[in-house]
Amino acid sequence: MTDANDHQFRVGEVVEYHPPRGLYAPRGTYIVTAALPARYGQFEYRIRNTVEDYERVAMEGDLHKIDDDAPNRARR
């Protein structure tokens, strides 16, 4: 059984969403609006893209942390 503290992302965190194949959804940055219970062995999250008027539900495996230092490394 998974513990609620095992969520990888927190509400308010900005993440990168990579939707699974066959699901139409814009890739890009989303804000986590809610952490949901595990389903099919993975936590789910409600996420919102600023260009859409609604929220989506995404599996934890489809979300990625945004590396804030990536632009600085590219310039080195």
Protein backbone atom coordinates (compact mmCIF):
# COMPACT_ATOMS: atom_id res chain seq x y z
CA MET A 1 0.00 0.00 0.00
CA THR A 2 1.33 3.47 -0.84
CA ASP A 3 1.63 6.20 1.75
CA ALA A 4 0.27 9.70 1.03
CA ASN A 5 3.75 11.08 1.72
CA ASP A 6 5.09 9.24 -1.31
CA HIS A 7 3.67 11.79 -3.76
CA GLN A 8 6.50 13.09 -5.92
CA PHE A 9 4.84 16.45 -6.65
CA ARG A 10 3.11 19.03 -4.46
CA VAL A 11 0.11 21.28 -5.05
CA GLY A 12 1.31 24.52 -6.67
CA GLU A 13 4.41 22.93 -8.20
CA VAL A 14 5.07 23.61 -11.89
CA VAL A 15 5.75 20.40 -13.83
CA GLU A 16 6.33 19.28 -17.41
CA TYR A 17 3.54 17.04 -18.77
CA HIS A 18 4.24 14.37 -21.38
CA PRO A 19 0.86 12.84 -22.22
CA PRO A 20 0.76 9.14 -23.09
CA ARG A 21 0.61 8.10 -26.72
CA GLY A 22 -2.87 8.32 -28.18
CA LEU A 23 -4.07 10.99 -25.77
CA TYR A 24 -4.39 14.48 -27.18
CA ALA A 25 -3.12 17.04 -24.72
CA PRO A 26 -0.65 19.86 -25.17
CA ARG A 27 2.81 19.04 -23.90
CA GLY A 28 4.41 21.64 -21.72
CA THR A 29 4.25 23.22 -18.32
CA TYR A 30 1.32 22.64 -16.01
CA ILE A 31 0.56 23.53 -12.40
CA VAL A 32 -0.36 20.74 -9.97
CA THR A 33 -3.74 21.66 -8.48
CA ALA A 34 -4.39 18.50 -6.43
CA ALA A 35 -2.63 15.30 -5.39
CA LEU A 36 -4.95 12.30 -5.81
CA PRO A 37 -4.80 8.74 -4.46
CA ALA A 38 -2.92 5.98 -6.26
CA ARG A 39 -4.63 4.15 -9.10
CA TYR A 40 -3.11 1.30 -11.10
CA GLY A 41 -0.04 1.50 -8.84
CA GLN A 42 0.72 5.20 -9.50
CA PHE A 43 -0.42 8.41 -7.90
CA GLU A 44 -2.58 10.72 -9.99
CA TYR A 45 -2.63 14.50 -10.03
CA ARG A 46 -5.00 17.20 -11.19
CA ILE A 47 -3.02 19.57 -13.40
CA ARG A 48 -3.82 22.78 -15.23
CA ASN A 49 -2.24 24.37 -18.27
CA THR A 50 -2.55 28.15 -18.44
CA VAL A 51 -3.85 28.01 -22.03
CA GLU A 52 -6.78 25.70 -21.19
CA ASP A 53 -9.97 26.47 -19.29
CA TYR A 54 -10.09 23.13 -17.46
CA GLU A 55 -7.99 20.70 -15.45
CA ARG A 56 -6.71 17.31 -16.49
CA VAL A 57 -5.88 14.19 -14.49
CA ALA A 58 -2.39 12.85 -15.10
CA MET A 59 -0.48 9.82 -13.86
CA GLU A 60 2.69 10.52 -11.90
CA GLY A 61 4.80 8.78 -14.56
CA ASP A 62 3.66 11.33 -17.17
CA LEU A 63 4.89 14.30 -15.11
CA HIS A 64 8.48 15.47 -14.83
CA LYS A 65 10.18 17.97 -12.56
CA ILE A 66 11.32 21.12 -14.29
CA ASP A 67 15.06 21.63 -13.97
CA ASP A 68 15.41 25.33 -13.15
CA ASP A 69 19.14 25.23 -13.89
CA ALA A 70 18.80 23.77 -17.43
CA PRO A 71 18.99 27.15 -19.29
CA ASN A 72 22.13 28.10 -17.33
CA ARG A 73 23.83 24.79 -18.13
CA ALA A 74 23.07 25.16 -21.85
CA ARG A 75 24.96 28.48 -21.92
CA ARG A 76 28.14 27.02 -20.39
